[in-house]
């Protein structure tokens, strides 16, 4: 049962990646803004050593931003699907 559950999760994540990730692009200003306003403050709260320069963590920052965008696209897609779907409860099915 656990294996089946995990396989379903893997298939779902693959679908999401194939469906939504290719269209996501993160512009340079957003990468820089995230680095300055999110990454640096979090780094300073967690570490006593100096933060790495943006170029060293660019891939990590871009991946975070891509994931955020993909999550947002998935949420919007689900909301739209729910809006188009009519669900009808049949009382007898719950008796």
C-alpha atoms as a PDB file:
ATOM      1  CA  UNK A   1       0.000   0.000   0.000  1.00  0.00           C
ATOM      2  CA  UNK A   2       2.827   2.367   0.849  1.00  0.00           C
ATOM      3  CA  UNK A   3       4.590   1.586  -2.420  1.00  0.00           C
ATOM      4  CA  UNK A   4       1.401   2.240  -4.398  1.00  0.00           C
ATOM      5  CA  UNK A   5       0.823   5.494  -2.549  1.00  0.00           C
ATOM      6  CA  UNK A   6       4.392   6.664  -3.215  1.00  0.00           C
ATOM      7  CA  UNK A   7       4.131   5.704  -6.885  1.00  0.00           C
ATOM      8  CA  UNK A   8       0.980   7.799  -7.214  1.00  0.00           C
ATOM      9  CA  UNK A   9       2.827  10.718  -5.648  1.00  0.00           C
ATOM     10  CA  UNK A  10       5.730  10.318  -8.074  1.00  0.00           C
ATOM     11  CA  UNK A  11       3.360  10.159 -11.060  1.00  0.00           C
ATOM     12  CA  UNK A  12       1.547  13.255  -9.846  1.00  0.00           C
ATOM     13  CA  UNK A  13       4.785  15.205  -9.433  1.00  0.00           C
ATOM     14  CA  UNK A  14       5.968  14.118 -12.876  1.00  0.00           C
ATOM     15  CA  UNK A  15       2.685  15.232 -14.410  1.00  0.00           C
ATOM     16  CA  UNK A  16       2.916  18.614 -12.699  1.00  0.00           C
ATOM     17  CA  UNK A  17       6.512  19.073 -13.847  1.00  0.00           C
ATOM     18  CA  UNK A  18       5.738  18.116 -17.445  1.00  0.00           C
ATOM     19  CA  UNK A  19       2.544  20.174 -17.594  1.00  0.00           C
ATOM     20  CA  UNK A  20       3.565  23.389 -15.841  1.00  0.00           C
ATOM     21  CA  UNK A  21       7.355  23.711 -15.494  1.00  0.00           C
ATOM     22  CA  UNK A  22       8.275  24.195 -19.188  1.00  0.00           C
ATOM     23  CA  UNK A  23       6.339  27.459 -19.392  1.00  0.00           C
ATOM     24  CA  UNK A  24       7.847  28.992 -16.277  1.00  0.00           C
ATOM     25  CA  UNK A  25      10.586  31.571 -16.676  1.00  0.00           C
ATOM     26  CA  UNK A  26      12.023  33.725 -13.926  1.00  0.00           C
ATOM     27  CA  UNK A  27      13.350  37.142 -14.986  1.00  0.00           C
ATOM     28  CA  UNK A  28      16.693  38.336 -13.630  1.00  0.00           C
ATOM     29  CA  UNK A  29      15.183  41.213 -11.593  1.00  0.00           C
ATOM     30  CA  UNK A  30      13.002  38.746  -9.678  1.00  0.00           C
ATOM     31  CA  UNK A  31      15.990  36.520  -8.921  1.00  0.00           C
ATOM     32  CA  UNK A  32      17.915  39.499  -7.595  1.00  0.00           C
ATOM     33  CA  UNK A  33      14.924  40.766  -5.602  1.00  0.00           C
ATOM     34  CA  UNK A  34      14.347  37.356  -3.990  1.00  0.00           C
ATOM     35  CA  UNK A  35      18.034  37.096  -3.134  1.00  0.00           C
ATOM     36  CA  UNK A  36      18.070  40.516  -1.492  1.00  0.00           C
ATOM     37  CA  UNK A  37      14.698  40.445   0.281  1.00  0.00           C
ATOM     38  CA  UNK A  38      14.280  36.760   1.168  1.00  0.00           C
ATOM     39  CA  UNK A  39      17.495  34.810   0.868  1.00  0.00           C
ATOM     40  CA  UNK A  40      19.863  37.247   2.579  1.00  0.00           C
ATOM     41  CA  UNK A  41      17.657  37.903   5.646  1.00  0.00           C
ATOM     42  CA  UNK A  42      17.005  34.179   6.105  1.00  0.00           C
ATOM     43  CA  UNK A  43      20.704  33.420   5.730  1.00  0.00           C
ATOM     44  CA  UNK A  44      21.636  36.026   8.323  1.00  0.00           C
ATOM     45  CA  UNK A  45      19.077  34.623  10.776  1.00  0.00           C
ATOM     46  CA  UNK A  46      20.434  31.084  10.411  1.00  0.00           C
ATOM     47  CA  UNK A  47      24.183  31.602   9.954  1.00  0.00           C
ATOM     48  CA  UNK A  48      26.958  33.604  11.532  1.00  0.00           C
ATOM     49  CA  UNK A  49      29.176  33.473   8.456  1.00  0.00           C
ATOM     50  CA  UNK A  50      28.757  35.865   5.507  1.00  0.00           C
ATOM     51  CA  UNK A  51      26.149  35.021   2.888  1.00  0.00           C
ATOM     52  CA  UNK A  52      27.325  33.621  -0.423  1.00  0.00           C
ATOM     53  CA  UNK A  53      27.152  35.964  -3.411  1.00  0.00           C
ATOM     54  CA  UNK A  54      24.163  35.692  -5.701  1.00  0.00           C
ATOM     55  CA  UNK A  55      26.161  33.934  -8.424  1.00  0.00           C
ATOM     56  CA  UNK A  56      26.914  31.039  -6.061  1.00  0.00           C
ATOM     57  CA  UNK A  57      23.285  30.477  -5.137  1.00  0.00           C
ATOM     58  CA  UNK A  58      21.597  31.620  -8.354  1.00  0.00           C
ATOM     59  CA  UNK A  59      20.472  28.099  -9.333  1.00  0.00           C
ATOM     60  CA  UNK A  60      18.982  27.503  -5.886  1.00  0.00           C
ATOM     61  CA  UNK A  61      17.139  30.849  -5.944  1.00  0.00           C
ATOM     62  CA  UNK A  62      15.850  30.235  -9.462  1.00  0.00           C
ATOM     63  CA  UNK A  63      14.634  26.764  -8.467  1.00  0.00           C
ATOM     64  CA  UNK A  64      12.775  28.211  -5.475  1.00  0.00           C
ATOM     65  CA  UNK A  65      11.092  30.811  -7.677  1.00  0.00           C
ATOM     66  CA  UNK A  66      10.216  28.237 -10.347  1.00  0.00           C
ATOM     67  CA  UNK A  67       8.649  25.980  -7.705  1.00  0.00           C
ATOM     68  CA  UNK A  68       6.633  28.896  -6.345  1.00  0.00           C
ATOM     69  CA  UNK A  69       5.343  29.719  -9.826  1.00  0.00           C
ATOM     70  CA  UNK A  70       4.529  26.094 -10.598  1.00  0.00           C
ATOM     71  CA  UNK A  71       2.630  25.792  -7.303  1.00  0.00           C
ATOM     72  CA  UNK A  72       0.667  28.912  -8.158  1.00  0.00           C
ATOM     73  CA  UNK A  73      -0.156  27.590 -11.632  1.00  0.00           C
ATOM     74  CA  UNK A  74      -1.318  24.270 -10.176  1.00  0.00           C
ATOM     75  CA  UNK A  75      -3.510  26.034  -7.604  1.00  0.00           C
ATOM     76  CA  UNK A  76      -5.113  28.174 -10.319  1.00  0.00           C
ATOM     77  CA  UNK A  77      -5.617  25.133 -12.545  1.00  0.00           C
ATOM     78  CA  UNK A  78      -7.353  23.261  -9.720  1.00  0.00           C
ATOM     79  CA  UNK A  79      -9.580  26.263  -8.919  1.00  0.00           C
ATOM     80  CA  UNK A  80     -10.609  26.520 -12.570  1.00  0.00           C
ATOM     81  CA  UNK A  81     -11.309  22.786 -12.763  1.00  0.00           C
ATOM     82  CA  UNK A  82     -13.438  22.950  -9.632  1.00  0.00           C
ATOM     83  CA  UNK A  83     -15.360  25.876 -11.093  1.00  0.00           C
ATOM     84  CA  UNK A  84     -16.169  23.869 -14.241  1.00  0.00           C
ATOM     85  CA  UNK A  85     -17.098  20.709 -12.378  1.00  0.00           C
ATOM     86  CA  UNK A  86     -20.545  20.037 -11.010  1.00  0.00           C
ATOM     87  CA  UNK A  87     -20.644  17.700  -8.043  1.00  0.00           C
ATOM     88  CA  UNK A  88     -23.908  16.115  -7.102  1.00  0.00           C
ATOM     89  CA  UNK A  89     -24.323  14.208  -3.850  1.00  0.00           C
ATOM     90  CA  UNK A  90     -26.733  11.324  -3.885  1.00  0.00           C
ATOM     91  CA  UNK A  91     -28.198  10.778  -0.433  1.00  0.00           C
ATOM     92  CA  UNK A  92     -28.655   7.066  -0.980  1.00  0.00           C
ATOM     93  CA  UNK A  93     -24.932   6.586  -1.589  1.00  0.00           C
ATOM     94  CA  UNK A  94     -24.218   7.704   1.997  1.00  0.00           C
ATOM     95  CA  UNK A  95     -26.803   5.522   3.693  1.00  0.00           C
END
